Amino acid sequence: MSYYLHEVPGRLRIKIPGLKKDQAGARELQWMLEDVIGVTSASVSPVTGSVLVMFDPRTLSSRAILDMLSREGYIDLSEAISGERHFETAATKVGQALSKAVLGFALDRALQGSPLSI
């Protein structure tokens, strides 16, 4: 399972697939994040598994937030991917699907009318 991370100073977004459809877990995580000194707001969506944390970068770092989430068992930092890597992974999947579709179309056209087209 991978965890998508995107951050800018004072803002951290994390996609945690394990929080999808887990309203109690999402609520618990939101309360935990809101109690952290330096966090100005936190929202957790059980629909998307998305966690948005706004924080004061003079008081708290995104790394400290990620370390805490890792310690609490919400994420595995070795499985975290950044926006750039997430895009590359998605583009690779799209490319593979497109290649299969083109190959299927070409084979269908090549075999059309032959005994193998049954």
C-alpha atoms as a PDB file:
ATOM      1  CA  MET A   1       0.000   0.000   0.000  1.00  0.00           C
ATOM      2  CA  SER A   2       1.435   3.391  -0.919  1.00  0.00           C
ATOM      3  CA  TYR A   3       0.784   6.716   0.744  1.00  0.00           C
ATOM      4  CA  TYR A   4       0.732   9.820  -1.440  1.00  0.00           C
ATOM      5  CA  LEU A   5       2.327  12.915   0.099  1.00  0.00           C
ATOM      6  CA  HIS A   6       2.199  16.509  -1.061  1.00  0.00           C
ATOM      7  CA  GLU A   7       3.587  19.373   0.916  1.00  0.00           C
ATOM      8  CA  VAL A   8       4.201  23.082   0.739  1.00  0.00           C
ATOM      9  CA  PRO A   9       5.366  25.157   3.696  1.00  0.00           C
ATOM     10  CA  GLY A  10       2.645  25.007   6.323  1.00  0.00           C
ATOM     11  CA  ARG A  11       0.462  22.505   4.446  1.00  0.00           C
ATOM     12  CA  LEU A  12       0.674  18.722   4.234  1.00  0.00           C
ATOM     13  CA  ARG A  13      -1.696  16.407   2.341  1.00  0.00           C
ATOM     14  CA  ILE A  14      -1.481  12.655   2.783  1.00  0.00           C
ATOM     15  CA  LYS A  15      -3.601   9.995   1.118  1.00  0.00           C
ATOM     16  CA  ILE A  16      -4.048   7.076   3.512  1.00  0.00           C
ATOM     17  CA  PRO A  17      -6.009   4.290   1.777  1.00  0.00           C
ATOM     18  CA  GLY A  18      -6.679   2.535   5.095  1.00  0.00           C
ATOM     19  CA  LEU A  19      -8.847   5.463   6.240  1.00  0.00           C
ATOM     20  CA  LYS A  20     -11.343   5.065   3.391  1.00  0.00           C
ATOM     21  CA  LYS A  21     -14.748   4.083   4.802  1.00  0.00           C
ATOM     22  CA  ASP A  22     -13.379   4.303   8.365  1.00  0.00           C
ATOM     23  CA  GLN A  23     -15.306   7.180   9.921  1.00  0.00           C
ATOM     24  CA  ALA A  24     -14.228   6.374  13.475  1.00  0.00           C
ATOM     25  CA  GLY A  25     -10.554   6.142  12.469  1.00  0.00           C
ATOM     26  CA  ALA A  26     -10.764   9.389  10.491  1.00  0.00           C
ATOM     27  CA  ARG A  27     -12.375  11.207  13.415  1.00  0.00           C
ATOM     28  CA  GLU A  28      -9.783   9.838  15.853  1.00  0.00           C
ATOM     29  CA  LEU A  29      -6.895  10.900  13.605  1.00  0.00           C
ATOM     30  CA  GLN A  30      -8.368  14.371  13.145  1.00  0.00           C
ATOM     31  CA  TRP A  31      -8.684  14.850  16.908  1.00  0.00           C
ATOM     32  CA  MET A  32      -5.130  13.606  17.423  1.00  0.00           C
ATOM     33  CA  LEU A  33      -3.764  16.020  14.810  1.00  0.00           C
ATOM     34  CA  GLU A  34      -5.745  18.964  16.196  1.00  0.00           C
ATOM     35  CA  ASP A  35      -4.113  18.358  19.604  1.00  0.00           C
ATOM     36  CA  VAL A  36      -0.577  18.709  18.207  1.00  0.00           C
ATOM     37  CA  ILE A  37       1.079  22.002  19.097  1.00  0.00           C
ATOM     38  CA  GLY A  38       1.694  23.911  15.873  1.00  0.00           C
ATOM     39  CA  VAL A  39      -1.205  22.378  13.927  1.00  0.00           C
ATOM     40  CA  THR A  40      -3.621  25.175  13.002  1.00  0.00           C
ATOM     41  CA  SER A  41      -6.232  22.897  11.401  1.00  0.00           C
ATOM     42  CA  ALA A  42      -6.692  19.326  10.302  1.00  0.00           C
ATOM     43  CA  SER A  43      -9.299  17.583   8.217  1.00  0.00           C
ATOM     44  CA  VAL A  44      -9.581  13.890   7.482  1.00  0.00           C
ATOM     45  CA  SER A  45     -11.972  12.510   4.870  1.00  0.00           C
ATOM     46  CA  PRO A  46     -13.179   8.922   5.308  1.00  0.00           C
ATOM     47  CA  VAL A  47     -14.583   9.143   1.758  1.00  0.00           C
ATOM     48  CA  THR A  48     -11.224   9.728   0.056  1.00  0.00           C
ATOM     49  CA  GLY A  49      -8.740   8.748   2.763  1.00  0.00           C
ATOM     50  CA  SER A  50      -7.234  12.220   2.421  1.00  0.00           C
ATOM     51  CA  VAL A  51      -5.657  14.012   5.371  1.00  0.00           C
ATOM     52  CA  LEU A  52      -5.000  17.753   5.160  1.00  0.00           C
ATOM     53  CA  VAL A  53      -2.908  19.345   7.879  1.00  0.00           C
ATOM     54  CA  MET A  54      -2.275  23.079   8.095  1.00  0.00           C
ATOM     55  CA  PHE A  55       0.516  23.966  10.492  1.00  0.00           C
ATOM     56  CA  ASP A  56       2.878  26.714  11.559  1.00  0.00           C
ATOM     57  CA  PRO A  57       6.246  25.822   9.985  1.00  0.00           C
ATOM     58  CA  ARG A  58       8.046  27.930  12.613  1.00  0.00           C
ATOM     59  CA  THR A  59       6.715  25.604  15.319  1.00  0.00           C
ATOM     60  CA  LEU A  60       6.324  22.267  13.568  1.00  0.00           C
ATOM     61  CA  SER A  61       7.778  20.487  10.542  1.00  0.00           C
ATOM     62  CA  SER A  62       6.025  18.224   8.089  1.00  0.00           C
ATOM     63  CA  ARG A  63       8.619  15.577   8.951  1.00  0.00           C
ATOM     64  CA  ALA A  64       7.560  15.683  12.622  1.00  0.00           C
ATOM     65  CA  ILE A  65       3.930  15.167  11.571  1.00  0.00           C
ATOM     66  CA  LEU A  66       4.878  12.256   9.305  1.00  0.00           C
ATOM     67  CA  ASP A  67       7.025  10.693  12.036  1.00  0.00           C
ATOM     68  CA  MET A  68       4.111  10.911  14.471  1.00  0.00           C
ATOM     69  CA  LEU A  69       1.719   9.320  11.946  1.00  0.00           C
ATOM     70  CA  SER A  70       4.265   6.561  11.393  1.00  0.00           C
ATOM     71  CA  ARG A  71       4.701   5.922  15.130  1.00  0.00           C
ATOM     72  CA  GLU A  72       0.919   5.762  15.566  1.00  0.00           C
ATOM     73  CA  GLY A  73       0.639   3.205  12.751  1.00  0.00           C
ATOM     74  CA  TYR A  74      -1.245   5.348  10.228  1.00  0.00           C
ATOM     75  CA  ILE A  75       1.474   5.305   7.557  1.00  0.00           C
ATOM     76  CA  ASP A  76       4.597   3.403   6.590  1.00  0.00           C
ATOM     77  CA  LEU A  77       7.133   6.016   5.510  1.00  0.00           C
ATOM     78  CA  SER A  78       8.969   3.489   3.345  1.00  0.00           C
ATOM     79  CA  GLU A  79       5.793   3.306   1.219  1.00  0.00           C
ATOM     80  CA  ALA A  80       5.337   7.091   0.911  1.00  0.00           C
ATOM     81  CA  ILE A  81       5.501   8.641  -2.545  1.00  0.00           C
ATOM     82  CA  SER A  82       5.703  12.296  -3.533  1.00  0.00           C
ATOM     83  CA  GLY A  83       3.599  14.055  -6.132  1.00  0.00           C
ATOM     84  CA  GLU A  84       6.211  13.590  -8.846  1.00  0.00           C
ATOM     85  CA  ARG A  85       6.570   9.860  -8.200  1.00  0.00           C
ATOM     86  CA  HIS A  86       2.784   9.495  -7.923  1.00  0.00           C
ATOM     87  CA  PHE A  87       2.410  11.113 -11.362  1.00  0.00           C
ATOM     88  CA  GLU A  88       5.098   8.849 -12.853  1.00  0.00           C
ATOM     89  CA  THR A  89       3.370   5.742 -11.445  1.00  0.00           C
ATOM     90  CA  ALA A  90      -0.027   6.841 -12.755  1.00  0.00           C
ATOM     91  CA  ALA A  91       1.439   7.697 -16.180  1.00  0.00           C
ATOM     92  CA  THR A  92       3.076   4.268 -16.374  1.00  0.00           C
ATOM     93  CA  LYS A  93      -0.245   2.548 -15.603  1.00  0.00           C
ATOM     94  CA  VAL A  94      -2.033   4.626 -18.243  1.00  0.00           C
ATOM     95  CA  GLY A  95       0.694   3.825 -20.761  1.00  0.00           C
ATOM     96  CA  GLN A  96       0.416   0.107 -20.070  1.00  0.00           C
ATOM     97  CA  ALA A  97      -3.374   0.159 -20.412  1.00  0.00           C
ATOM     98  CA  LEU A  98      -3.135   2.152 -23.642  1.00  0.00           C
ATOM     99  CA  SER A  99      -0.547  -0.262 -25.065  1.00  0.00           C
ATOM    100  CA  LYS A 100      -2.820  -3.234 -24.316  1.00  0.00           C
ATOM    101  CA  ALA A 101      -5.787  -1.486 -25.940  1.00  0.00           C
ATOM    102  CA  VAL A 102      -3.807  -0.623 -29.092  1.00  0.00           C
ATOM    103  CA  LEU A 103      -2.415  -4.149 -29.329  1.00  0.00           C
ATOM    104  CA  GLY A 104      -5.891  -5.624 -28.883  1.00  0.00           C
ATOM    105  CA  PHE A 105      -7.297  -3.358 -31.570  1.00  0.00           C
ATOM    106  CA  ALA A 106      -4.444  -4.224 -33.974  1.00  0.00           C
ATOM    107  CA  LEU A 107      -4.881  -7.958 -33.389  1.00  0.00           C
ATOM    108  CA  ASP A 108      -8.623  -7.692 -33.851  1.00  0.00           C
ATOM    109  CA  ARG A 109      -8.116  -5.899 -37.175  1.00  0.00           C
ATOM    110  CA  ALA A 110      -5.410  -8.323 -38.320  1.00  0.00           C
ATOM    111  CA  LEU A 111      -7.500 -11.396 -37.522  1.00  0.00           C
ATOM    112  CA  GLN A 112     -10.781 -10.039 -38.861  1.00  0.00           C
ATOM    113  CA  GLY A 113     -12.286 -12.455 -41.370  1.00  0.00           C
ATOM    114  CA  SER A 114      -9.824 -15.244 -40.566  1.00  0.00           C
ATOM    115  CA  PRO A 115     -10.760 -18.560 -38.902  1.00  0.00           C
ATOM    116  CA  LEU A 116      -9.018 -17.279 -35.740  1.00  0.00           C
ATOM    117  CA  SER A 117     -11.503 -14.414 -35.385  1.00  0.00           C
ATOM    118  CA  ILE A 118     -14.142 -16.687 -33.853  1.00  0.00           C
END
